[in-house]
């Protein structure tokens, strides 16, 4: 990674930093790239790709329709209501 590439990335990411910070940023990015290069050298022969962190499947509760809030409770804190309905601003002509 060189200064021109860093400036190009900063432009694409809409980042601005002063020249003193530029040197530190360049050093940090080169450190990250060196670390990623070390990871690519690890022998992963026979290692299955990890798709999920857990072997559990569908551990969520069943989706059951039920009324948890009554109609009156739902309308109680409405800023505007008309009988049994919420009043909202008109959005279509």
PDB file of N, CA and C in Angstrom:
ATOM      1  N   UNK A   1       0.864  -1.168   0.000  1.00  0.00           N
ATOM      2  CA  UNK A   1       0.000   0.000   0.000  1.00  0.00           C
ATOM      3  C   UNK A   1       0.905   1.225   0.000  1.00  0.00           C
ATOM      4  N   UNK A   2       0.627   2.128  -0.911  1.00  0.00           N
ATOM      5  CA  UNK A   2       1.397   3.371  -0.945  1.00  0.00           C
ATOM      6  C   UNK A   2       0.474   4.562  -0.712  1.00  0.00           C
ATOM      7  N   UNK A   3       1.051   5.741  -0.670  1.00  0.00           N
ATOM      8  CA  UNK A   3       0.293   6.951  -0.355  1.00  0.00           C
ATOM      9  C   UNK A   3      -0.784   7.235  -1.400  1.00  0.00           C
ATOM     10  N   UNK A   4      -0.482   7.009  -2.678  1.00  0.00           N
ATOM     11  CA  UNK A   4      -1.478   7.263  -3.731  1.00  0.00           C
ATOM     12  C   UNK A   4      -2.686   6.346  -3.580  1.00  0.00           C
ATOM     13  N   UNK A   5      -2.438   5.067  -3.290  1.00  0.00           N
ATOM     14  CA  UNK A   5      -3.542   4.127  -3.096  1.00  0.00           C
ATOM     15  C   UNK A   5      -4.363   4.513  -1.880  1.00  0.00           C
ATOM     16  N   UNK A   6      -3.681   4.911  -0.822  1.00  0.00           N
ATOM     17  CA  UNK A   6      -4.376   5.348   0.391  1.00  0.00           C
ATOM     18  C   UNK A   6      -5.267   6.556   0.108  1.00  0.00           C
ATOM     19  N   UNK A   7      -4.751   7.508  -0.631  1.00  0.00           N
ATOM     20  CA  UNK A   7      -5.554   8.694  -0.966  1.00  0.00           C
ATOM     21  C   UNK A   7      -6.741   8.332  -1.842  1.00  0.00           C
ATOM     22  N   UNK A   8      -6.545   7.373  -2.771  1.00  0.00           N
ATOM     23  CA  UNK A   8      -7.649   6.916  -3.609  1.00  0.00           C
ATOM     24  C   UNK A   8      -8.735   6.244  -2.786  1.00  0.00           C
ATOM     25  N   UNK A   9      -8.328   5.397  -1.833  1.00  0.00           N
ATOM     26  CA  UNK A   9      -9.300   4.750  -0.948  1.00  0.00           C
ATOM     27  C   UNK A   9     -10.025   5.771  -0.075  1.00  0.00           C
ATOM     28  N   UNK A  10      -9.265   6.745   0.413  1.00  0.00           N
ATOM     29  CA  UNK A  10      -9.878   7.786   1.246  1.00  0.00           C
ATOM     30  C   UNK A  10     -10.907   8.570   0.440  1.00  0.00           C
ATOM     31  N   UNK A  11     -10.603   8.843  -0.816  1.00  0.00           N
ATOM     32  CA  UNK A  11     -11.552   9.568  -1.669  1.00  0.00           C
ATOM     33  C   UNK A  11     -12.821   8.744  -1.870  1.00  0.00           C
ATOM     34  N   UNK A  12     -12.657   7.446  -2.176  1.00  0.00           N
ATOM     35  CA  UNK A  12     -13.826   6.586  -2.390  1.00  0.00           C
ATOM     36  C   UNK A  12     -14.671   6.448  -1.133  1.00  0.00           C
ATOM     37  N   UNK A  13     -14.016   6.433   0.022  1.00  0.00           N
ATOM     38  CA  UNK A  13     -14.732   6.291   1.288  1.00  0.00           C
ATOM     39  C   UNK A  13     -15.176   7.635   1.854  1.00  0.00           C
ATOM     40  N   UNK A  14     -14.902   8.698   1.123  1.00  0.00           N
ATOM     41  CA  UNK A  14     -15.251  10.058   1.555  1.00  0.00           C
ATOM     42  C   UNK A  14     -14.633  10.390   2.904  1.00  0.00           C
ATOM     43  N   UNK A  15     -13.344  10.031   3.063  1.00  0.00           N
ATOM     44  CA  UNK A  15     -12.613  10.324   4.286  1.00  0.00           C
ATOM     45  C   UNK A  15     -11.629  11.451   4.040  1.00  0.00           C
ATOM     46  N   UNK A  16     -11.419  12.251   5.031  1.00  0.00           N
ATOM     47  CA  UNK A  16     -10.416  13.308   4.966  1.00  0.00           C
ATOM     48  C   UNK A  16      -9.586  13.246   6.241  1.00  0.00           C
ATOM     49  N   UNK A  17      -8.261  13.299   6.083  1.00  0.00           N
ATOM     50  CA  UNK A  17      -7.388  13.368   7.241  1.00  0.00           C
ATOM     51  C   UNK A  17      -6.126  14.131   6.858  1.00  0.00           C
ATOM     52  N   UNK A  18      -5.492  14.729   7.842  1.00  0.00           N
ATOM     53  CA  UNK A  18      -4.320  15.577   7.595  1.00  0.00           C
ATOM     54  C   UNK A  18      -3.092  14.719   7.276  1.00  0.00           C
ATOM     55  N   UNK A  19      -2.047  15.324   6.693  1.00  0.00           N
ATOM     56  CA  UNK A  19      -0.852  14.569   6.298  1.00  0.00           C
ATOM     57  C   UNK A  19      -0.183  13.824   7.457  1.00  0.00           C
ATOM     58  N   UNK A  20      -0.212  14.379   8.652  1.00  0.00           N
ATOM     59  CA  UNK A  20       0.381  13.682   9.799  1.00  0.00           C
ATOM     60  C   UNK A  20      -0.385  12.390  10.089  1.00  0.00           C
ATOM     61  N   UNK A  21      -1.659  12.426   9.964  1.00  0.00           N
ATOM     62  CA  UNK A  21      -2.497  11.241  10.194  1.00  0.00           C
ATOM     63  C   UNK A  21      -2.358  10.255   9.035  1.00  0.00           C
ATOM     64  N   UNK A  22      -2.024  10.759   7.858  1.00  0.00           N
ATOM     65  CA  UNK A  22      -1.884   9.919   6.670  1.00  0.00           C
ATOM     66  C   UNK A  22      -0.789   8.860   6.863  1.00  0.00           C
ATOM     67  N   UNK A  23       0.333   9.243   7.442  1.00  0.00           N
ATOM     68  CA  UNK A  23       1.422   8.297   7.675  1.00  0.00           C
ATOM     69  C   UNK A  23       1.002   7.191   8.641  1.00  0.00           C
ATOM     70  N   UNK A  24       0.292   7.543   9.691  1.00  0.00           N
ATOM     71  CA  UNK A  24      -0.181   6.545  10.655  1.00  0.00           C
ATOM     72  C   UNK A  24      -1.198   5.620  10.007  1.00  0.00           C
ATOM     73  N   UNK A  25      -2.077   6.172   9.195  1.00  0.00           N
ATOM     74  CA  UNK A  25      -3.088   5.376   8.511  1.00  0.00           C
ATOM     75  C   UNK A  25      -2.418   4.395   7.544  1.00  0.00           C
ATOM     76  N   UNK A  26      -1.407   4.859   6.826  1.00  0.00           N
ATOM     77  CA  UNK A  26      -0.678   4.009   5.894  1.00  0.00           C
ATOM     78  C   UNK A  26       0.008   2.860   6.635  1.00  0.00           C
ATOM     79  N   UNK A  27       0.594   3.159   7.772  1.00  0.00           N
ATOM     80  CA  UNK A  27       1.252   2.140   8.586  1.00  0.00           C
ATOM     81  C   UNK A  27       0.233   1.109   9.077  1.00  0.00           C
ATOM     82  N   UNK A  28      -0.915   1.580   9.548  1.00  0.00           N
ATOM     83  CA  UNK A  28      -1.956   0.681  10.057  1.00  0.00           C
ATOM     84  C   UNK A  28      -2.508  -0.221   8.948  1.00  0.00           C
ATOM     85  N   UNK A  29      -2.771   0.354   7.773  1.00  0.00           N
ATOM     86  CA  UNK A  29      -3.312  -0.447   6.674  1.00  0.00           C
ATOM     87  C   UNK A  29      -2.310  -1.487   6.194  1.00  0.00           C
ATOM     88  N   UNK A  30      -1.045  -1.128   6.148  1.00  0.00           N
ATOM     89  CA  UNK A  30      -0.023  -2.110   5.769  1.00  0.00           C
ATOM     90  C   UNK A  30       0.062  -3.226   6.805  1.00  0.00           C
ATOM     91  N   UNK A  31      -0.104  -2.902   8.076  1.00  0.00           N
ATOM     92  CA  UNK A  31      -0.133  -3.930   9.114  1.00  0.00           C
ATOM     93  C   UNK A  31      -1.303  -4.880   8.933  1.00  0.00           C
ATOM     94  N   UNK A  32      -2.467  -4.343   8.587  1.00  0.00           N
ATOM     95  CA  UNK A  32      -3.653  -5.175   8.354  1.00  0.00           C
ATOM     96  C   UNK A  32      -3.428  -6.087   7.159  1.00  0.00           C
ATOM     97  N   UNK A  33      -2.872  -5.532   6.081  1.00  0.00           N
ATOM     98  CA  UNK A  33      -2.619  -6.338   4.889  1.00  0.00           C
ATOM     99  C   UNK A  33      -1.584  -7.431   5.159  1.00  0.00           C
ATOM    100  N   UNK A  34      -0.572  -7.150   5.959  1.00  0.00           N
ATOM    101  CA  UNK A  34       0.413  -8.171   6.337  1.00  0.00           C
ATOM    102  C   UNK A  34      -0.248  -9.282   7.142  1.00  0.00           C
ATOM    103  N   UNK A  35      -1.144  -8.929   8.045  1.00  0.00           N
ATOM    104  CA  UNK A  35      -1.858  -9.920   8.850  1.00  0.00           C
ATOM    105  C   UNK A  35      -2.731 -10.813   7.970  1.00  0.00           C
ATOM    106  N   UNK A  36      -3.438 -10.217   6.998  1.00  0.00           N
ATOM    107  CA  UNK A  36      -4.276 -10.990   6.081  1.00  0.00           C
ATOM    108  C   UNK A  36      -3.398 -11.906   5.245  1.00  0.00           C
ATOM    109  N   UNK A  37      -2.216 -11.446   4.843  1.00  0.00           N
ATOM    110  CA  UNK A  37      -1.292 -12.282   4.081  1.00  0.00           C
ATOM    111  C   UNK A  37      -0.849 -13.488   4.915  1.00  0.00           C
ATOM    112  N   UNK A  38      -0.633 -13.306   6.199  1.00  0.00           N
ATOM    113  CA  UNK A  38      -0.280 -14.423   7.077  1.00  0.00           C
ATOM    114  C   UNK A  38      -1.422 -15.436   7.141  1.00  0.00           C
ATOM    115  N   UNK A  39      -2.654 -14.959   7.163  1.00  0.00           N
ATOM    116  CA  UNK A  39      -3.802 -15.871   7.186  1.00  0.00           C
ATOM    117  C   UNK A  39      -3.892 -16.694   5.910  1.00  0.00           C
ATOM    118  N   UNK A  40      -3.539 -16.100   4.775  1.00  0.00           N
ATOM    119  CA  UNK A  40      -3.624 -16.831   3.515  1.00  0.00           C
ATOM    120  C   UNK A  40      -2.568 -17.930   3.418  1.00  0.00           C
ATOM    121  N   UNK A  41      -1.555 -17.901   4.271  1.00  0.00           N
ATOM    122  CA  UNK A  41      -0.507 -18.914   4.248  1.00  0.00           C
ATOM    123  C   UNK A  41      -0.847 -20.131   5.119  1.00  0.00           C
ATOM    124  N   UNK A  42      -1.927 -20.072   5.868  1.00  0.00           N
ATOM    125  CA  UNK A  42      -2.329 -21.180   6.734  1.00  0.00           C
ATOM    126  C   UNK A  42      -2.867 -22.317   5.875  1.00  0.00           C
ATOM    127  N   UNK A  43      -2.433 -23.540   6.165  1.00  0.00           N
ATOM    128  CA  UNK A  43      -2.883 -24.716   5.425  1.00  0.00           C
ATOM    129  C   UNK A  43      -4.290 -25.089   5.881  1.00  0.00           C
ATOM    130  N   UNK A  44      -5.241 -24.984   4.987  1.00  0.00           N
ATOM    131  CA  UNK A  44      -6.636 -25.294   5.311  1.00  0.00           C
ATOM    132  C   UNK A  44      -7.116 -26.532   4.563  1.00  0.00           C
ATOM    133  N   UNK A  45      -6.207 -27.396   4.179  1.00  0.00           N
ATOM    134  CA  UNK A  45      -6.572 -28.620   3.485  1.00  0.00           C
ATOM    135  C   UNK A  45      -7.452 -29.477   4.383  1.00  0.00           C
ATOM    136  N   UNK A  46      -8.595 -29.890   3.871  1.00  0.00           N
ATOM    137  CA  UNK A  46      -9.505 -30.739   4.624  1.00  0.00           C
ATOM    138  C   UNK A  46     -10.411 -30.004   5.585  1.00  0.00           C
ATOM    139  N   UNK A  47     -10.336 -28.690   5.627  1.00  0.00           N
ATOM    140  CA  UNK A  47     -11.187 -27.909   6.520  1.00  0.00           C
ATOM    141  C   UNK A  47     -12.424 -27.473   5.738  1.00  0.00           C
ATOM    142  N   UNK A  48     -13.582 -27.864   6.243  1.00  0.00           N
ATOM    143  CA  UNK A  48     -14.838 -27.494   5.584  1.00  0.00           C
ATOM    144  C   UNK A  48     -15.120 -26.006   5.786  1.00  0.00           C
ATOM    145  N   UNK A  49     -15.652 -25.331   4.770  1.00  0.00           N
ATOM    146  CA  UNK A  49     -16.022 -23.920   4.948  1.00  0.00           C
ATOM    147  C   UNK A  49     -17.107 -23.784   6.008  1.00  0.00           C
ATOM    148  N   UNK A  50     -16.995 -22.760   6.825  1.00  0.00           N
ATOM    149  CA  UNK A  50     -17.969 -22.507   7.887  1.00  0.00           C
ATOM    150  C   UNK A  50     -19.100 -21.651   7.325  1.00  0.00           C
ATOM    151  N   UNK A  51     -20.282 -22.222   7.311  1.00  0.00           N
ATOM    152  CA  UNK A  51     -21.442 -21.496   6.802  1.00  0.00           C
ATOM    153  C   UNK A  51     -22.230 -20.895   7.955  1.00  0.00           C
ATOM    154  N   UNK A  52     -22.409 -21.664   9.025  1.00  0.00           N
ATOM    155  CA  UNK A  52     -23.141 -21.211  10.205  1.00  0.00           C
ATOM    156  C   UNK A  52     -22.272 -21.441  11.440  1.00  0.00           C
ATOM    157  N   UNK A  53     -22.448 -20.630  12.445  1.00  0.00           N
ATOM    158  CA  UNK A  53     -21.670 -20.778  13.664  1.00  0.00           C
ATOM    159  C   UNK A  53     -22.198 -21.884  14.559  1.00  0.00           C
ATOM    160  N   UNK A  54     -23.389 -22.341  14.306  1.00  0.00           N
ATOM    161  CA  UNK A  54     -24.015 -23.346  15.147  1.00  0.00           C
ATOM    162  C   UNK A  54     -24.676 -24.396  14.260  1.00  0.00           C
ATOM    163  N   UNK A  55     -24.776 -25.597  14.780  1.00  0.00           N
ATOM    164  CA  UNK A  55     -25.449 -26.664  14.041  1.00  0.00           C
ATOM    165  C   UNK A  55     -26.949 -26.671  14.304  1.00  0.00           C
ATOM    166  N   UNK A  56     -27.410 -25.801  15.166  1.00  0.00           N
ATOM    167  CA  UNK A  56     -28.829 -25.729  15.493  1.00  0.00           C
ATOM    168  C   UNK A  56     -29.619 -25.225  14.289  1.00  0.00           C
ATOM    169  N   UNK A  57     -30.777 -25.817  14.082  1.00  0.00           N
ATOM    170  CA  UNK A  57     -31.632 -25.414  12.968  1.00  0.00           C
ATOM    171  C   UNK A  57     -33.008 -25.067  13.527  1.00  0.00           C
ATOM    172  N   UNK A  58     -33.507 -23.904  13.153  1.00  0.00           N
ATOM    173  CA  UNK A  58     -34.843 -23.468  13.548  1.00  0.00           C
ATOM    174  C   UNK A  58     -35.080 -23.588  15.051  1.00  0.00           C
ATOM    175  N   UNK A  59     -34.256 -22.905  15.815  1.00  0.00           N
ATOM    176  CA  UNK A  59     -34.412 -22.941  17.265  1.00  0.00           C
ATOM    177  C   UNK A  59     -35.349 -21.847  17.757  1.00  0.00           C
ATOM    178  N   UNK A  60     -35.983 -21.148  16.833  1.00  0.00           N
ATOM    179  CA  UNK A  60     -36.920 -20.096  17.204  1.00  0.00           C
ATOM    180  C   UNK A  60     -38.273 -20.706  17.552  1.00  0.00           C
ATOM    181  N   UNK A  61     -39.083 -19.954  18.243  1.00  0.00           N
ATOM    182  CA  UNK A  61     -40.413 -20.429  18.594  1.00  0.00           C
ATOM    183  C   UNK A  61     -41.295 -20.505  17.350  1.00  0.00           C
ATOM    184  N   UNK A  62     -42.347 -21.272  17.423  1.00  0.00           N
ATOM    185  CA  UNK A  62     -43.299 -21.354  16.322  1.00  0.00           C
ATOM    186  C   UNK A  62     -43.988 -20.011  16.150  1.00  0.00           C
ATOM    187  N   UNK A  63     -44.265 -19.652  14.920  1.00  0.00           N
ATOM    188  CA  UNK A  63     -44.938 -18.407  14.619  1.00  0.00           C
ATOM    189  C   UNK A  63     -46.440 -18.631  14.744  1.00  0.00           C
ATOM    190  N   UNK A  64     -47.000 -18.120  15.814  1.00  0.00           N
ATOM    191  CA  UNK A  64     -48.428 -18.293  16.066  1.00  0.00           C
ATOM    192  C   UNK A  64     -49.098 -16.926  16.124  1.00  0.00           C
ATOM    193  N   UNK A  65     -50.185 -16.782  15.390  1.00  0.00           N
ATOM    194  CA  UNK A  65     -50.939 -15.534  15.425  1.00  0.00           C
ATOM    195  C   UNK A  65     -51.733 -15.473  16.719  1.00  0.00           C
ATOM    196  N   UNK A  66     -51.601 -14.375  17.431  1.00  0.00           N
ATOM    197  CA  UNK A  66     -52.363 -14.201  18.673  1.00  0.00           C
ATOM    198  C   UNK A  66     -52.493 -12.709  18.955  1.00  0.00           C
ATOM    199  N   UNK A  67     -53.526 -12.331  19.636  1.00  0.00           N
ATOM    200  CA  UNK A  67     -53.739 -10.941  19.991  1.00  0.00           C
ATOM    201  C   UNK A  67     -53.045 -10.656  21.317  1.00  0.00           C
ATOM    202  N   UNK A  68     -52.038  -9.808  21.284  1.00  0.00           N
ATOM    203  CA  UNK A  68     -51.335  -9.465  22.514  1.00  0.00           C
ATOM    204  C   UNK A  68     -51.760  -8.090  23.020  1.00  0.00           C
ATOM    205  N   UNK A  69     -52.302  -7.265  22.121  1.00  0.00           N
ATOM    206  CA  UNK A  69     -52.782  -5.936  22.494  1.00  0.00           C
ATOM    207  C   UNK A  69     -54.234  -5.846  22.048  1.00  0.00           C
ATOM    208  N   UNK A  70     -55.090  -5.452  22.947  1.00  0.00           N
ATOM    209  CA  UNK A  70     -56.500  -5.327  22.580  1.00  0.00           C
ATOM    210  C   UNK A  70     -56.693  -4.112  21.677  1.00  0.00           C
ATOM    211  N   UNK A  71     -57.794  -4.098  21.001  1.00  0.00           N
ATOM    212  CA  UNK A  71     -58.113  -2.994  20.098  1.00  0.00           C
ATOM    213  C   UNK A  71     -58.157  -1.666  20.858  1.00  0.00           C
ATOM    214  N   UNK A  72     -58.771  -1.664  22.011  1.00  0.00           N
ATOM    215  CA  UNK A  72     -58.872  -0.440  22.810  1.00  0.00           C
ATOM    216  C   UNK A  72     -57.490   0.007  23.312  1.00  0.00           C
ATOM    217  N   UNK A  73     -56.655  -0.936  23.726  1.00  0.00           N
ATOM    218  CA  UNK A  73     -55.306  -0.575  24.185  1.00  0.00           C
ATOM    219  C   UNK A  73     -54.478   0.009  23.046  1.00  0.00           C
ATOM    220  N   UNK A  74     -54.661  -0.525  21.852  1.00  0.00           N
ATOM    221  CA  UNK A  74     -53.927  -0.016  20.701  1.00  0.00           C
ATOM    222  C   UNK A  74     -54.310   1.413  20.367  1.00  0.00           C
ATOM    223  N   UNK A  75     -55.570   1.742  20.513  1.00  0.00           N
ATOM    224  CA  UNK A  75     -56.046   3.095  20.199  1.00  0.00           C
ATOM    225  C   UNK A  75     -55.868   4.081  21.353  1.00  0.00           C
ATOM    226  N   UNK A  76     -55.604   3.599  22.530  1.00  0.00           N
ATOM    227  CA  UNK A  76     -55.560   4.443  23.718  1.00  0.00           C
ATOM    228  C   UNK A  76     -54.532   5.585  23.578  1.00  0.00           C
ATOM    229  N   UNK A  77     -53.344   5.304  23.069  1.00  0.00           N
ATOM    230  CA  UNK A  77     -52.305   6.331  22.970  1.00  0.00           C
ATOM    231  C   UNK A  77     -52.176   6.935  21.579  1.00  0.00           C
ATOM    232  N   UNK A  78     -53.142   6.692  20.725  1.00  0.00           N
ATOM    233  CA  UNK A  78     -53.088   7.254  19.375  1.00  0.00           C
ATOM    234  C   UNK A  78     -53.238   8.769  19.437  1.00  0.00           C
ATOM    235  N   UNK A  79     -52.397   9.512  18.714  1.00  0.00           N
ATOM    236  CA  UNK A  79     -52.526  10.968  18.739  1.00  0.00           C
ATOM    237  C   UNK A  79     -53.849  11.445  18.140  1.00  0.00           C
ATOM    238  N   UNK A  80     -54.331  10.719  17.108  1.00  0.00           N
ATOM    239  CA  UNK A  80     -55.629  11.052  16.509  1.00  0.00           C
ATOM    240  C   UNK A  80     -56.336   9.751  16.174  1.00  0.00           C
ATOM    241  N   UNK A  81     -57.601   9.686  16.520  1.00  0.00           N
ATOM    242  CA  UNK A  81     -58.364   8.484  16.200  1.00  0.00           C
ATOM    243  C   UNK A  81     -59.783   8.891  15.828  1.00  0.00           C
ATOM    244  N   UNK A  82     -60.435   8.024  15.083  1.00  0.00           N
ATOM    245  CA  UNK A  82     -61.804   8.258  14.643  1.00  0.00           C
ATOM    246  C   UNK A  82     -62.572   6.979  14.928  1.00  0.00           C
ATOM    247  N   UNK A  83     -63.317   6.983  16.009  1.00  0.00           N
ATOM    248  CA  UNK A  83     -64.093   5.818  16.413  1.00  0.00           C
ATOM    249  C   UNK A  83     -63.152   4.639  16.662  1.00  0.00           C
ATOM    250  N   UNK A  84     -63.107   3.698  15.749  1.00  0.00           N
ATOM    251  CA  UNK A  84     -62.284   2.499  15.934  1.00  0.00           C
ATOM    252  C   UNK A  84     -61.023   2.495  15.069  1.00  0.00           C
ATOM    253  N   UNK A  85     -60.643   3.636  14.491  1.00  0.00           N
ATOM    254  CA  UNK A  85     -59.538   3.651  13.546  1.00  0.00           C
ATOM    255  C   UNK A  85     -58.505   4.742  13.909  1.00  0.00           C
ATOM    256  N   UNK A  86     -57.250   4.522  13.489  1.00  0.00           N
ATOM    257  CA  UNK A  86     -56.227   5.550  13.594  1.00  0.00           C
ATOM    258  C   UNK A  86     -56.462   6.577  12.509  1.00  0.00           C
ATOM    259  N   UNK A  87     -56.282   7.854  12.824  1.00  0.00           N
ATOM    260  CA  UNK A  87     -56.356   8.917  11.818  1.00  0.00           C
ATOM    261  C   UNK A  87     -54.927   9.275  11.442  1.00  0.00           C
ATOM    262  N   UNK A  88     -54.650   9.227  10.162  1.00  0.00           N
ATOM    263  CA  UNK A  88     -53.303   9.565   9.660  1.00  0.00           C
ATOM    264  C   UNK A  88     -53.431  10.607   8.558  1.00  0.00           C
ATOM    265  N   UNK A  89     -52.357  11.351   8.299  1.00  0.00           N
ATOM    266  CA  UNK A  89     -52.416  12.334   7.223  1.00  0.00           C
ATOM    267  C   UNK A  89     -52.629  11.668   5.870  1.00  0.00           C
ATOM    268  N   UNK A  90     -53.279  12.349   4.988  1.00  0.00           N
ATOM    269  CA  UNK A  90     -53.533  11.848   3.657  1.00  0.00           C
ATOM    270  C   UNK A  90     -52.231  11.793   2.890  1.00  0.00           C
ATOM    271  N   UNK A  91     -51.942  10.662   2.234  1.00  0.00           N
ATOM    272  CA  UNK A  91     -50.694  10.530   1.496  1.00  0.00           C
ATOM    273  C   UNK A  91     -50.903  10.442  -0.006  1.00  0.00           C
ATOM    274  N   UNK A  92     -52.121  10.173  -0.452  1.00  0.00           N
ATOM    275  CA  UNK A  92     -52.432  10.115  -1.878  1.00  0.00           C
ATOM    276  C   UNK A  92     -53.540  11.102  -2.195  1.00  0.00           C
ATOM    277  N   UNK A  93     -53.486  11.643  -3.382  1.00  0.00           N
ATOM    278  CA  UNK A  93     -54.551  12.553  -3.824  1.00  0.00           C
ATOM    279  C   UNK A  93     -55.679  11.795  -4.460  1.00  0.00           C
TER     280      UNK A  93
END
